[in-house]
Amino acid sequence: MKQITFTLLVLISVGLLSCRKTANDPNITQYDNNNIQAYIKANNLTGMVRDTTGGDTSGIYYQILSQGSTAGAPFAYSDTVKYVFTLKSFDGKYNSVDSLTSNHYDSFLGHINQNGYPIGLQLAIHNVIKYKGTRARILIPSRLAYGINGYGSGSSSNVNTRIAGNQCLDYYINVYSDQNLYDDQVIKNYMATNSLTGFTKATGGYYYKVSVPGTGTDPIDQYTAFTATYTGLFLTGTAFDSANATTATSFDFSGNGGSGYIPGVTQGLLGYTAGTAVTLLLPSRYGYGRTGTTGISVNDCLRFDYTIATITN
C-alpha cells in the first residue's frame, strides 16, 4: 500500500512539473512582441517605432509615412475620423487590400472598436497618428487585435475569410482630412491607371464623357420619363448594378436623387437626348455618401455607363 501511494505521489509530481510554466515561457505580451520583432526582421522593415504612450504598454509598432498638419488639436475619442486601410495578418492568410470599395471608415474615433475593428487600431489612431492627413503603417499585437478567437468565418486555414487566433496584424492606414479632395484624387488615379481620356469635370465635381452623341430632340429634364441601359461599377472594375432599357422611369428632383436615382445620375444625365452614351465618374457625395447602401460601402466613388434609349417629356 505504501509503495502504491508513493508511486502515485511521484506520478502526480511529474505531471505538475511538466505543466508548470518556466521562466522561459513567454506570456502573451512577450509572445506578441517576439512575433512582431521576427516579422520586422523577416520583411526588412526599417523605421518602425514602438508606441511608448502610457509607459510603453500597448506593444504597437508604427511608422509615419506622411505626417498630416499638426496645427490643430490631436484627435479626441469624440472626434469623427475618416480613413481607408489595407490589412494583412502576419501568417499571410488574410490579406484585404481593397481600399477603393470596402475598407472605409467614417465615424467617431471612439466607436472604431464597437464597429468591429481592433481596439489596437483605435489606440494607434489616437496615440500615434493623432492628426488628419496622416498616413502610417501600424503593427498591432494579437492581444489588441482579435485575440485567441480570431475573426471571420470558417477554418483558420482559410484564405481571406478568417483571421486565425493570436495573429498580429499589419495595417496601412490613411486618415484623410477632406473627403472631396480625397475623392477627386481617387478618380484622377482611376483615370490615369486605366488610361481614360476625354473626361470633363463638371462644376459640381463629378466627371463625365459623352462617347456617342444623342440623335433625339427632347432633352432629359425634371419632367422626363425615359428608358436606358446602364451599368454601375466600382472603381475596381467590378459591376454592382445593371439594367436594360425596358421600363420607363422618371426623375424626381426633390434634392436627394429620388425615384431610386442617386444625385450624380439625376444631375449627370440632365440635358442629354435619346441615343446618348455617357460615362459618369462620381465622387462619393454624388453616390451613397456617408451612409452607403447594401453592397456599397460608405464614401465609395462610383462609375456609371449610360445609354439613353427613349425620352418622353
C-alpha atoms as a PDB file:
ATOM      1  CA  MET A   1       0.000   0.000   0.000  1.00  0.00           C
ATOM      2  CA  LYS A   2       2.801   2.404   0.902  1.00  0.00           C
ATOM      3  CA  GLN A   3       4.524   1.577  -2.375  1.00  0.00           C
ATOM      4  CA  ILE A   4       1.347   2.320  -4.375  1.00  0.00           C
ATOM      5  CA  THR A   5       0.847   5.611  -2.541  1.00  0.00           C
ATOM      6  CA  PHE A   6       4.467   6.595  -3.150  1.00  0.00           C
ATOM      7  CA  THR A   7       4.169   5.755  -6.862  1.00  0.00           C
ATOM      8  CA  LEU A   8       1.025   7.871  -7.189  1.00  0.00           C
ATOM      9  CA  LEU A   9       2.714  10.826  -5.499  1.00  0.00           C
ATOM     10  CA  VAL A  10       5.663  10.566  -7.868  1.00  0.00           C
ATOM     11  CA  LEU A  11       3.396  10.481 -10.920  1.00  0.00           C
ATOM     12  CA  ILE A  12       1.372  13.478  -9.707  1.00  0.00           C
ATOM     13  CA  SER A  13       4.579  15.441  -9.044  1.00  0.00           C
ATOM     14  CA  VAL A  14       5.927  14.673 -12.504  1.00  0.00           C
ATOM     15  CA  GLY A  15       2.608  15.776 -14.051  1.00  0.00           C
ATOM     16  CA  LEU A  16       2.594  19.040 -12.142  1.00  0.00           C
ATOM     17  CA  LEU A  17       6.189  19.769 -13.076  1.00  0.00           C
ATOM     18  CA  SER A  18       5.518  19.052 -16.733  1.00  0.00           C
ATOM     19  CA  CYS A  19       2.585  21.532 -16.756  1.00  0.00           C
ATOM     20  CA  ARG A  20       4.311  24.316 -14.839  1.00  0.00           C
ATOM     21  CA  LYS A  21       5.471  27.336 -16.833  1.00  0.00           C
ATOM     22  CA  THR A  22       9.166  28.004 -16.612  1.00  0.00           C
ATOM     23  CA  ALA A  23      10.939  31.347 -16.604  1.00  0.00           C
ATOM     24  CA  ASN A  24      11.464  30.896 -20.358  1.00  0.00           C
ATOM     25  CA  ASP A  25       7.760  30.572 -21.240  1.00  0.00           C
ATOM     26  CA  PRO A  26       6.524  33.841 -22.793  1.00  0.00           C
ATOM     27  CA  ASN A  27       3.268  35.444 -21.687  1.00  0.00           C
ATOM     28  CA  ILE A  28       1.021  36.927 -24.383  1.00  0.00           C
ATOM     29  CA  THR A  29       2.795  40.292 -24.261  1.00  0.00           C
ATOM     30  CA  GLN A  30       6.172  38.670 -24.804  1.00  0.00           C
ATOM     31  CA  TYR A  31       4.704  36.331 -27.418  1.00  0.00           C
ATOM     32  CA  ASP A  32       3.308  39.247 -29.427  1.00  0.00           C
ATOM     33  CA  ASN A  33       6.494  41.259 -29.168  1.00  0.00           C
ATOM     34  CA  ASN A  34       8.582  38.293 -30.296  1.00  0.00           C
ATOM     35  CA  ASN A  35       6.294  37.824 -33.291  1.00  0.00           C
ATOM     36  CA  ILE A  36       6.431  41.496 -34.228  1.00  0.00           C
ATOM     37  CA  GLN A  37      10.223  41.604 -33.942  1.00  0.00           C
ATOM     38  CA  ALA A  38      10.511  38.493 -36.107  1.00  0.00           C
ATOM     39  CA  TYR A  39       8.080  39.995 -38.657  1.00  0.00           C
ATOM     40  CA  ILE A  40      10.062  43.228 -38.840  1.00  0.00           C
ATOM     41  CA  LYS A  41      13.255  41.292 -39.424  1.00  0.00           C
ATOM     42  CA  ALA A  42      11.774  38.852 -41.949  1.00  0.00           C
ATOM     43  CA  ASN A  43      10.283  41.688 -44.013  1.00  0.00           C
ATOM     44  CA  ASN A  44      13.299  44.001 -43.723  1.00  0.00           C
ATOM     45  CA  LEU A  45      11.171  46.775 -42.246  1.00  0.00           C
ATOM     46  CA  THR A  46      13.024  49.914 -41.286  1.00  0.00           C
ATOM     47  CA  GLY A  47      11.815  52.936 -39.397  1.00  0.00           C
ATOM     48  CA  MET A  48       9.329  51.062 -37.209  1.00  0.00           C
ATOM     49  CA  VAL A  49       8.940  52.710 -33.794  1.00  0.00           C
ATOM     50  CA  ARG A  50       7.335  51.271 -30.674  1.00  0.00           C
ATOM     51  CA  ASP A  51       4.422  53.204 -29.213  1.00  0.00           C
ATOM     52  CA  THR A  52       5.506  54.480 -25.804  1.00  0.00           C
ATOM     53  CA  THR A  53       2.239  56.211 -24.894  1.00  0.00           C
ATOM     54  CA  GLY A  54       1.275  55.455 -21.311  1.00  0.00           C
ATOM     55  CA  GLY A  55       4.613  53.924 -20.403  1.00  0.00           C
ATOM     56  CA  ASP A  56       5.235  51.608 -23.363  1.00  0.00           C
ATOM     57  CA  THR A  57       2.344  49.292 -22.581  1.00  0.00           C
ATOM     58  CA  SER A  58       0.486  48.821 -25.871  1.00  0.00           C
ATOM     59  CA  GLY A  59       3.122  46.876 -27.808  1.00  0.00           C
ATOM     60  CA  ILE A  60       2.068  48.631 -31.032  1.00  0.00           C
ATOM     61  CA  TYR A  61       4.766  49.442 -33.588  1.00  0.00           C
ATOM     62  CA  TYR A  62       4.317  52.118 -36.231  1.00  0.00           C
ATOM     63  CA  GLN A  63       5.907  54.192 -38.961  1.00  0.00           C
ATOM     64  CA  ILE A  64       4.549  57.584 -40.012  1.00  0.00           C
ATOM     65  CA  LEU A  65       4.685  57.594 -43.814  1.00  0.00           C
ATOM     66  CA  SER A  66       3.263  61.080 -44.304  1.00  0.00           C
ATOM     67  CA  GLN A  67       2.595  63.497 -41.467  1.00  0.00           C
ATOM     68  CA  GLY A  68      -0.639  65.460 -41.537  1.00  0.00           C
ATOM     69  CA  SER A  69      -0.902  69.021 -40.305  1.00  0.00           C
ATOM     70  CA  THR A  70      -0.220  69.349 -36.578  1.00  0.00           C
ATOM     71  CA  ALA A  71      -1.630  72.871 -36.422  1.00  0.00           C
ATOM     72  CA  GLY A  72      -4.901  71.731 -34.881  1.00  0.00           C
ATOM     73  CA  ALA A  73      -5.648  69.675 -31.797  1.00  0.00           C
ATOM     74  CA  PRO A  74      -4.896  65.928 -31.904  1.00  0.00           C
ATOM     75  CA  PHE A  75      -7.795  63.501 -32.184  1.00  0.00           C
ATOM     76  CA  ALA A  76     -10.110  63.059 -29.233  1.00  0.00           C
ATOM     77  CA  TYR A  77     -12.224  59.924 -28.960  1.00  0.00           C
ATOM     78  CA  SER A  78     -15.305  62.066 -29.588  1.00  0.00           C
ATOM     79  CA  ASP A  79     -13.967  63.290 -32.959  1.00  0.00           C
ATOM     80  CA  THR A  80     -15.110  61.920 -36.308  1.00  0.00           C
ATOM     81  CA  VAL A  81     -12.334  60.260 -38.306  1.00  0.00           C
ATOM     82  CA  LYS A  82     -12.315  59.226 -41.956  1.00  0.00           C
ATOM     83  CA  TYR A  83      -9.816  56.654 -43.107  1.00  0.00           C
ATOM     84  CA  VAL A  84      -9.113  53.944 -45.656  1.00  0.00           C
ATOM     85  CA  PHE A  85      -6.864  50.986 -44.980  1.00  0.00           C
ATOM     86  CA  THR A  86      -5.306  47.750 -46.127  1.00  0.00           C
ATOM     87  CA  LEU A  87      -4.770  44.843 -43.770  1.00  0.00           C
ATOM     88  CA  LYS A  88      -2.963  41.527 -43.641  1.00  0.00           C
ATOM     89  CA  SER A  89      -2.337  39.008 -40.897  1.00  0.00           C
ATOM     90  CA  PHE A  90       1.225  38.038 -40.054  1.00  0.00           C
ATOM     91  CA  ASP A  91       0.696  34.497 -41.350  1.00  0.00           C
ATOM     92  CA  GLY A  92      -0.350  35.898 -44.745  1.00  0.00           C
ATOM     93  CA  LYS A  93      -3.660  34.019 -44.816  1.00  0.00           C
ATOM     94  CA  TYR A  94      -5.769  37.161 -44.570  1.00  0.00           C
ATOM     95  CA  ASN A  95      -4.975  39.957 -46.995  1.00  0.00           C
ATOM     96  CA  SER A  96      -7.528  42.727 -47.530  1.00  0.00           C
ATOM     97  CA  VAL A  97      -6.239  45.402 -49.898  1.00  0.00           C
ATOM     98  CA  ASP A  98      -9.379  46.874 -51.485  1.00  0.00           C
ATOM     99  CA  SER A  99      -9.376  50.428 -50.153  1.00  0.00           C
ATOM    100  CA  LEU A 100     -11.369  51.601 -53.197  1.00  0.00           C
ATOM    101  CA  THR A 101     -14.637  49.875 -52.329  1.00  0.00           C
ATOM    102  CA  SER A 102     -14.622  48.163 -48.943  1.00  0.00           C
ATOM    103  CA  ASN A 103     -12.025  49.248 -46.401  1.00  0.00           C
ATOM    104  CA  HIS A 104     -13.526  52.598 -45.433  1.00  0.00           C
ATOM    105  CA  TYR A 105     -14.435  54.114 -42.069  1.00  0.00           C
ATOM    106  CA  ASP A 106     -16.294  57.356 -41.329  1.00  0.00           C
ATOM    107  CA  SER A 107     -17.496  57.722 -37.753  1.00  0.00           C
ATOM    108  CA  PHE A 108     -16.355  58.542 -34.232  1.00  0.00           C
ATOM    109  CA  LEU A 109     -12.841  57.560 -33.213  1.00  0.00           C
ATOM    110  CA  GLY A 110     -14.211  56.097 -30.005  1.00  0.00           C
ATOM    111  CA  HIS A 111     -16.552  53.800 -31.957  1.00  0.00           C
ATOM    112  CA  ILE A 112     -13.897  52.056 -34.054  1.00  0.00           C
ATOM    113  CA  ASN A 113     -13.771  49.058 -31.747  1.00  0.00           C
ATOM    114  CA  GLN A 114     -17.571  48.967 -31.487  1.00  0.00           C
ATOM    115  CA  ASN A 115     -17.788  48.725 -35.287  1.00  0.00           C
ATOM    116  CA  GLY A 116     -15.815  45.505 -35.490  1.00  0.00           C
ATOM    117  CA  TYR A 117     -12.301  46.885 -35.877  1.00  0.00           C
ATOM    118  CA  PRO A 118      -9.498  46.046 -33.437  1.00  0.00           C
ATOM    119  CA  ILE A 119      -9.075  48.133 -30.292  1.00  0.00           C
ATOM    120  CA  GLY A 120      -5.414  48.374 -31.283  1.00  0.00           C
ATOM    121  CA  LEU A 121      -6.355  50.317 -34.414  1.00  0.00           C
ATOM    122  CA  GLN A 122      -8.386  52.729 -32.305  1.00  0.00           C
ATOM    123  CA  LEU A 123      -5.457  53.206 -29.919  1.00  0.00           C
ATOM    124  CA  ALA A 124      -2.987  53.673 -32.779  1.00  0.00           C
ATOM    125  CA  ILE A 125      -5.043  56.469 -34.363  1.00  0.00           C
ATOM    126  CA  HIS A 126      -5.446  58.177 -31.002  1.00  0.00           C
ATOM    127  CA  ASN A 127      -1.898  57.693 -29.710  1.00  0.00           C
ATOM    128  CA  VAL A 128       0.440  57.832 -32.704  1.00  0.00           C
ATOM    129  CA  ILE A 129      -1.379  59.010 -35.845  1.00  0.00           C
ATOM    130  CA  LYS A 130      -3.141  61.805 -33.946  1.00  0.00           C
ATOM    131  CA  TYR A 131      -3.824  64.197 -36.850  1.00  0.00           C
ATOM    132  CA  LYS A 132      -5.905  64.354 -40.009  1.00  0.00           C
ATOM    133  CA  GLY A 133      -4.000  63.833 -43.226  1.00  0.00           C
ATOM    134  CA  THR A 134      -1.556  61.329 -41.732  1.00  0.00           C
ATOM    135  CA  ARG A 135      -0.599  58.078 -43.441  1.00  0.00           C
ATOM    136  CA  ALA A 136       1.049  55.359 -41.386  1.00  0.00           C
ATOM    137  CA  ARG A 137       1.910  51.679 -41.160  1.00  0.00           C
ATOM    138  CA  ILE A 138       0.780  50.028 -37.946  1.00  0.00           C
ATOM    139  CA  LEU A 139       1.722  46.632 -36.485  1.00  0.00           C
ATOM    140  CA  ILE A 140      -0.867  45.584 -33.913  1.00  0.00           C
ATOM    141  CA  PRO A 141      -0.188  42.793 -31.368  1.00  0.00           C
ATOM    142  CA  SER A 142      -2.704  39.969 -31.296  1.00  0.00           C
ATOM    143  CA  ARG A 143      -3.988  40.825 -27.829  1.00  0.00           C
ATOM    144  CA  LEU A 144      -5.136  44.218 -29.205  1.00  0.00           C
ATOM    145  CA  ALA A 145      -6.401  42.671 -32.449  1.00  0.00           C
ATOM    146  CA  TYR A 146      -8.813  39.712 -32.352  1.00  0.00           C
ATOM    147  CA  GLY A 147      -7.156  37.735 -29.561  1.00  0.00           C
ATOM    148  CA  ILE A 148      -7.327  33.989 -29.232  1.00  0.00           C
ATOM    149  CA  ASN A 149     -10.649  33.696 -31.082  1.00  0.00           C
ATOM    150  CA  GLY A 150      -9.592  35.402 -34.300  1.00  0.00           C
ATOM    151  CA  TYR A 151     -12.088  36.928 -36.703  1.00  0.00           C
ATOM    152  CA  GLY A 152     -14.234  35.831 -39.642  1.00  0.00           C
ATOM    153  CA  SER A 153     -15.751  32.515 -40.644  1.00  0.00           C
ATOM    154  CA  GLY A 154     -14.599  29.026 -41.474  1.00  0.00           C
ATOM    155  CA  SER A 155     -11.362  27.258 -40.679  1.00  0.00           C
ATOM    156  CA  SER A 156      -8.287  29.166 -39.553  1.00  0.00           C
ATOM    157  CA  SER A 157      -6.559  27.686 -42.600  1.00  0.00           C
ATOM    158  CA  ASN A 158      -8.950  29.517 -44.943  1.00  0.00           C
ATOM    159  CA  VAL A 159      -7.502  32.292 -47.068  1.00  0.00           C
ATOM    160  CA  ASN A 160      -9.128  35.750 -46.805  1.00  0.00           C
ATOM    161  CA  THR A 161     -12.184  34.586 -44.856  1.00  0.00           C
ATOM    162  CA  ARG A 162     -10.729  34.200 -41.394  1.00  0.00           C
ATOM    163  CA  ILE A 163      -8.023  35.720 -39.211  1.00  0.00           C
ATOM    164  CA  ALA A 164      -6.644  32.942 -37.028  1.00  0.00           C
ATOM    165  CA  GLY A 165      -6.349  33.307 -33.266  1.00  0.00           C
ATOM    166  CA  ASN A 166      -3.292  35.057 -31.819  1.00  0.00           C
ATOM    167  CA  GLN A 167      -2.481  36.750 -35.132  1.00  0.00           C
ATOM    168  CA  CYS A 168      -0.751  40.124 -35.115  1.00  0.00           C
ATOM    169  CA  LEU A 169      -1.937  42.496 -37.854  1.00  0.00           C
ATOM    170  CA  ASP A 170      -0.197  44.740 -40.381  1.00  0.00           C
ATOM    171  CA  TYR A 171      -2.181  47.865 -41.354  1.00  0.00           C
ATOM    172  CA  TYR A 172      -1.561  50.635 -43.843  1.00  0.00           C
ATOM    173  CA  ILE A 173      -3.915  53.465 -42.942  1.00  0.00           C
ATOM    174  CA  ASN A 174      -4.670  56.854 -44.468  1.00  0.00           C
ATOM    175  CA  VAL A 175      -6.580  59.226 -42.209  1.00  0.00           C
ATOM    176  CA  TYR A 176      -7.590  61.903 -44.688  1.00  0.00           C
ATOM    177  CA  SER A 177      -8.754  65.405 -43.873  1.00  0.00           C
ATOM    178  CA  ASP A 178     -11.029  66.381 -46.779  1.00  0.00           C
ATOM    179  CA  GLN A 179     -13.462  63.919 -48.353  1.00  0.00           C
ATOM    180  CA  ASN A 180     -13.939  65.945 -51.515  1.00  0.00           C
ATOM    181  CA  LEU A 181     -10.220  66.282 -52.192  1.00  0.00           C
ATOM    182  CA  TYR A 182      -9.667  62.610 -51.433  1.00  0.00           C
ATOM    183  CA  ASP A 183     -12.461  61.524 -53.805  1.00  0.00           C
ATOM    184  CA  ASP A 184     -11.127  63.761 -56.563  1.00  0.00           C
ATOM    185  CA  GLN A 185      -7.672  62.212 -56.257  1.00  0.00           C
ATOM    186  CA  VAL A 186      -9.164  58.696 -56.295  1.00  0.00           C
ATOM    187  CA  ILE A 187     -10.973  59.472 -59.561  1.00  0.00           C
ATOM    188  CA  LYS A 188      -7.863  61.047 -61.104  1.00  0.00           C
ATOM    189  CA  ASN A 189      -5.836  57.978 -60.132  1.00  0.00           C
ATOM    190  CA  TYR A 190      -8.516  55.745 -61.653  1.00  0.00           C
ATOM    191  CA  MET A 191      -8.431  57.631 -64.954  1.00  0.00           C
ATOM    192  CA  ALA A 192      -4.626  57.555 -65.066  1.00  0.00           C
ATOM    193  CA  THR A 193      -4.407  53.855 -64.184  1.00  0.00           C
ATOM    194  CA  ASN A 194      -6.957  52.912 -66.854  1.00  0.00           C
ATOM    195  CA  SER A 195      -5.691  55.399 -69.476  1.00  0.00           C
ATOM    196  CA  LEU A 196      -9.066  57.143 -69.631  1.00  0.00           C
ATOM    197  CA  THR A 197      -9.048  60.428 -71.541  1.00  0.00           C
ATOM    198  CA  GLY A 198     -11.574  62.972 -72.759  1.00  0.00           C
ATOM    199  CA  PHE A 199     -13.386  63.443 -69.449  1.00  0.00           C
ATOM    200  CA  THR A 200     -14.652  66.841 -68.342  1.00  0.00           C
ATOM    201  CA  LYS A 201     -15.012  67.904 -64.726  1.00  0.00           C
ATOM    202  CA  ALA A 202     -18.439  69.366 -64.043  1.00  0.00           C
ATOM    203  CA  THR A 203     -18.891  72.396 -61.827  1.00  0.00           C
ATOM    204  CA  GLY A 204     -20.165  70.180 -59.015  1.00  0.00           C
ATOM    205  CA  GLY A 205     -17.067  67.984 -59.060  1.00  0.00           C
ATOM    206  CA  TYR A 206     -18.088  64.834 -60.935  1.00  0.00           C
ATOM    207  CA  TYR A 207     -16.526  63.812 -64.267  1.00  0.00           C
ATOM    208  CA  TYR A 208     -18.322  62.928 -67.498  1.00  0.00           C
ATOM    209  CA  LYS A 209     -17.594  61.865 -71.062  1.00  0.00           C
ATOM    210  CA  VAL A 210     -20.023  61.546 -73.976  1.00  0.00           C
ATOM    211  CA  SER A 211     -18.840  58.676 -76.166  1.00  0.00           C
ATOM    212  CA  VAL A 212     -21.881  58.714 -78.502  1.00  0.00           C
ATOM    213  CA  PRO A 213     -23.836  61.962 -79.065  1.00  0.00           C
ATOM    214  CA  GLY A 214     -27.606  61.743 -78.910  1.00  0.00           C
ATOM    215  CA  THR A 215     -29.817  61.858 -82.003  1.00  0.00           C
ATOM    216  CA  GLY A 216     -33.072  62.751 -80.295  1.00  0.00           C
ATOM    217  CA  THR A 217     -34.583  66.221 -79.952  1.00  0.00           C
ATOM    218  CA  ASP A 218     -36.130  66.151 -76.465  1.00  0.00           C
ATOM    219  CA  PRO A 219     -33.574  66.550 -73.637  1.00  0.00           C
ATOM    220  CA  ILE A 220     -33.877  64.935 -70.225  1.00  0.00           C
ATOM    221  CA  ASP A 221     -35.276  67.389 -67.672  1.00  0.00           C
ATOM    222  CA  GLN A 222     -37.214  67.313 -64.416  1.00  0.00           C
ATOM    223  CA  TYR A 223     -40.397  66.327 -66.266  1.00  0.00           C
ATOM    224  CA  THR A 224     -38.815  63.445 -68.175  1.00  0.00           C
ATOM    225  CA  ALA A 225     -39.710  59.780 -68.297  1.00  0.00           C
ATOM    226  CA  PHE A 226     -37.027  57.735 -70.007  1.00  0.00           C
ATOM    227  CA  THR A 227     -35.611  54.285 -70.643  1.00  0.00           C
ATOM    228  CA  ALA A 228     -31.915  53.497 -70.580  1.00  0.00           C
ATOM    229  CA  THR A 229     -29.379  50.725 -70.476  1.00  0.00           C
ATOM    230  CA  TYR A 230     -26.763  51.189 -67.793  1.00  0.00           C
ATOM    231  CA  THR A 231     -24.045  49.559 -65.734  1.00  0.00           C
ATOM    232  CA  GLY A 232     -22.856  50.717 -62.329  1.00  0.00           C
ATOM    233  CA  LEU A 233     -19.275  49.821 -61.432  1.00  0.00           C
ATOM    234  CA  PHE A 234     -16.874  50.197 -58.562  1.00  0.00           C
ATOM    235  CA  LEU A 235     -13.575  51.773 -59.497  1.00  0.00           C
ATOM    236  CA  THR A 236     -12.054  48.298 -59.246  1.00  0.00           C
ATOM    237  CA  GLY A 237     -13.970  47.453 -62.426  1.00  0.00           C
ATOM    238  CA  THR A 238     -16.487  45.179 -60.675  1.00  0.00           C
ATOM    239  CA  ALA A 239     -20.125  45.780 -61.636  1.00  0.00           C
ATOM    240  CA  PHE A 240     -22.629  46.185 -58.797  1.00  0.00           C
ATOM    241  CA  ASP A 241     -25.764  47.003 -60.828  1.00  0.00           C
ATOM    242  CA  SER A 242     -27.075  46.953 -64.408  1.00  0.00           C
ATOM    243  CA  ALA A 243     -30.332  47.159 -66.344  1.00  0.00           C
ATOM    244  CA  ASN A 244     -31.663  47.029 -69.898  1.00  0.00           C
ATOM    245  CA  ALA A 245     -33.875  49.703 -71.435  1.00  0.00           C
ATOM    246  CA  THR A 246     -37.240  48.137 -70.729  1.00  0.00           C
ATOM    247  CA  THR A 247     -39.168  50.245 -68.197  1.00  0.00           C
ATOM    248  CA  ALA A 248     -39.736  53.982 -68.350  1.00  0.00           C
ATOM    249  CA  THR A 249     -38.763  55.774 -65.154  1.00  0.00           C
ATOM    250  CA  SER A 250     -38.958  59.391 -64.107  1.00  0.00           C
ATOM    251  CA  PHE A 251     -36.552  61.653 -62.293  1.00  0.00           C
ATOM    252  CA  ASP A 252     -37.572  63.193 -59.010  1.00  0.00           C
ATOM    253  CA  PHE A 253     -35.681  66.420 -58.342  1.00  0.00           C
ATOM    254  CA  SER A 254     -36.534  66.510 -54.670  1.00  0.00           C
ATOM    255  CA  GLY A 255     -32.913  67.154 -53.745  1.00  0.00           C
ATOM    256  CA  ASN A 256     -31.869  63.632 -52.798  1.00  0.00           C
ATOM    257  CA  GLY A 257     -31.930  61.728 -56.064  1.00  0.00           C
ATOM    258  CA  GLY A 258     -35.473  60.426 -55.816  1.00  0.00           C
ATOM    259  CA  SER A 259     -37.001  57.556 -57.815  1.00  0.00           C
ATOM    260  CA  GLY A 260     -34.053  55.355 -56.865  1.00  0.00           C
ATOM    261  CA  TYR A 261     -31.520  57.544 -58.661  1.00  0.00           C
ATOM    262  CA  ILE A 262     -28.539  58.917 -56.804  1.00  0.00           C
ATOM    263  CA  PRO A 263     -27.795  62.647 -57.149  1.00  0.00           C
ATOM    264  CA  GLY A 264     -24.910  62.072 -59.554  1.00  0.00           C
ATOM    265  CA  VAL A 265     -27.169  60.305 -62.046  1.00  0.00           C
ATOM    266  CA  THR A 266     -30.012  62.840 -61.898  1.00  0.00           C
ATOM    267  CA  GLN A 267     -27.544  65.672 -62.459  1.00  0.00           C
ATOM    268  CA  GLY A 268     -25.239  63.773 -64.783  1.00  0.00           C
ATOM    269  CA  LEU A 269     -27.953  62.831 -67.304  1.00  0.00           C
ATOM    270  CA  LEU A 270     -29.697  66.192 -67.331  1.00  0.00           C
ATOM    271  CA  GLY A 271     -29.864  67.729 -70.793  1.00  0.00           C
ATOM    272  CA  TYR A 272     -28.958  64.662 -72.854  1.00  0.00           C
ATOM    273  CA  THR A 273     -31.165  63.294 -75.629  1.00  0.00           C
ATOM    274  CA  ALA A 274     -32.087  59.795 -76.800  1.00  0.00           C
ATOM    275  CA  GLY A 275     -29.148  57.871 -78.226  1.00  0.00           C
ATOM    276  CA  THR A 276     -26.591  59.471 -75.943  1.00  0.00           C
ATOM    277  CA  ALA A 277     -23.951  57.190 -74.408  1.00  0.00           C
ATOM    278  CA  VAL A 278     -22.272  58.858 -71.441  1.00  0.00           C
ATOM    279  CA  THR A 279     -19.910  57.762 -68.686  1.00  0.00           C
ATOM    280  CA  LEU A 280     -20.124  59.369 -65.244  1.00  0.00           C
ATOM    281  CA  LEU A 281     -17.358  59.188 -62.620  1.00  0.00           C
ATOM    282  CA  LEU A 282     -18.916  60.178 -59.326  1.00  0.00           C
ATOM    283  CA  PRO A 283     -17.298  61.255 -56.054  1.00  0.00           C
ATOM    284  CA  SER A 284     -18.935  59.720 -53.003  1.00  0.00           C
ATOM    285  CA  ARG A 285     -21.128  62.731 -52.242  1.00  0.00           C
ATOM    286  CA  TYR A 286     -22.880  62.161 -55.585  1.00  0.00           C
ATOM    287  CA  GLY A 287     -23.339  58.480 -54.795  1.00  0.00           C
ATOM    288  CA  TYR A 288     -24.344  56.974 -51.450  1.00  0.00           C
ATOM    289  CA  GLY A 289     -22.204  59.272 -49.317  1.00  0.00           C
ATOM    290  CA  ARG A 290     -21.526  58.618 -45.657  1.00  0.00           C
ATOM    291  CA  THR A 291     -24.333  56.085 -45.250  1.00  0.00           C
ATOM    292  CA  GLY A 292     -23.605  53.683 -48.099  1.00  0.00           C
ATOM    293  CA  THR A 293     -26.194  51.098 -49.090  1.00  0.00           C
ATOM    294  CA  THR A 294     -26.469  47.336 -49.460  1.00  0.00           C
ATOM    295  CA  GLY A 295     -23.277  46.135 -51.133  1.00  0.00           C
ATOM    296  CA  ILE A 296     -21.759  49.625 -51.334  1.00  0.00           C
ATOM    297  CA  SER A 297     -19.573  50.968 -48.545  1.00  0.00           C
ATOM    298  CA  VAL A 298     -19.575  54.471 -47.141  1.00  0.00           C
ATOM    299  CA  ASN A 299     -17.713  57.089 -49.202  1.00  0.00           C
ATOM    300  CA  ASP A 300     -17.379  54.954 -52.347  1.00  0.00           C
ATOM    301  CA  CYS A 301     -16.607  56.661 -55.650  1.00  0.00           C
ATOM    302  CA  LEU A 302     -18.605  55.082 -58.488  1.00  0.00           C
ATOM    303  CA  ARG A 303     -18.763  54.788 -62.259  1.00  0.00           C
ATOM    304  CA  PHE A 304     -21.923  54.658 -64.387  1.00  0.00           C
ATOM    305  CA  ASP A 305     -22.112  53.907 -68.107  1.00  0.00           C
ATOM    306  CA  TYR A 306     -25.494  55.037 -69.506  1.00  0.00           C
ATOM    307  CA  THR A 307     -27.031  54.698 -72.953  1.00  0.00           C
ATOM    308  CA  ILE A 308     -30.318  56.587 -73.181  1.00  0.00           C
ATOM    309  CA  ALA A 309     -32.909  54.760 -75.288  1.00  0.00           C
ATOM    310  CA  THR A 310     -36.138  56.780 -75.213  1.00  0.00           C
ATOM    311  CA  ILE A 311     -37.316  60.053 -73.707  1.00  0.00           C
ATOM    312  CA  THR A 312     -40.872  61.249 -73.086  1.00  0.00           C
ATOM    313  CA  ASN A 313     -41.361  64.811 -71.800  1.00  0.00           C
END
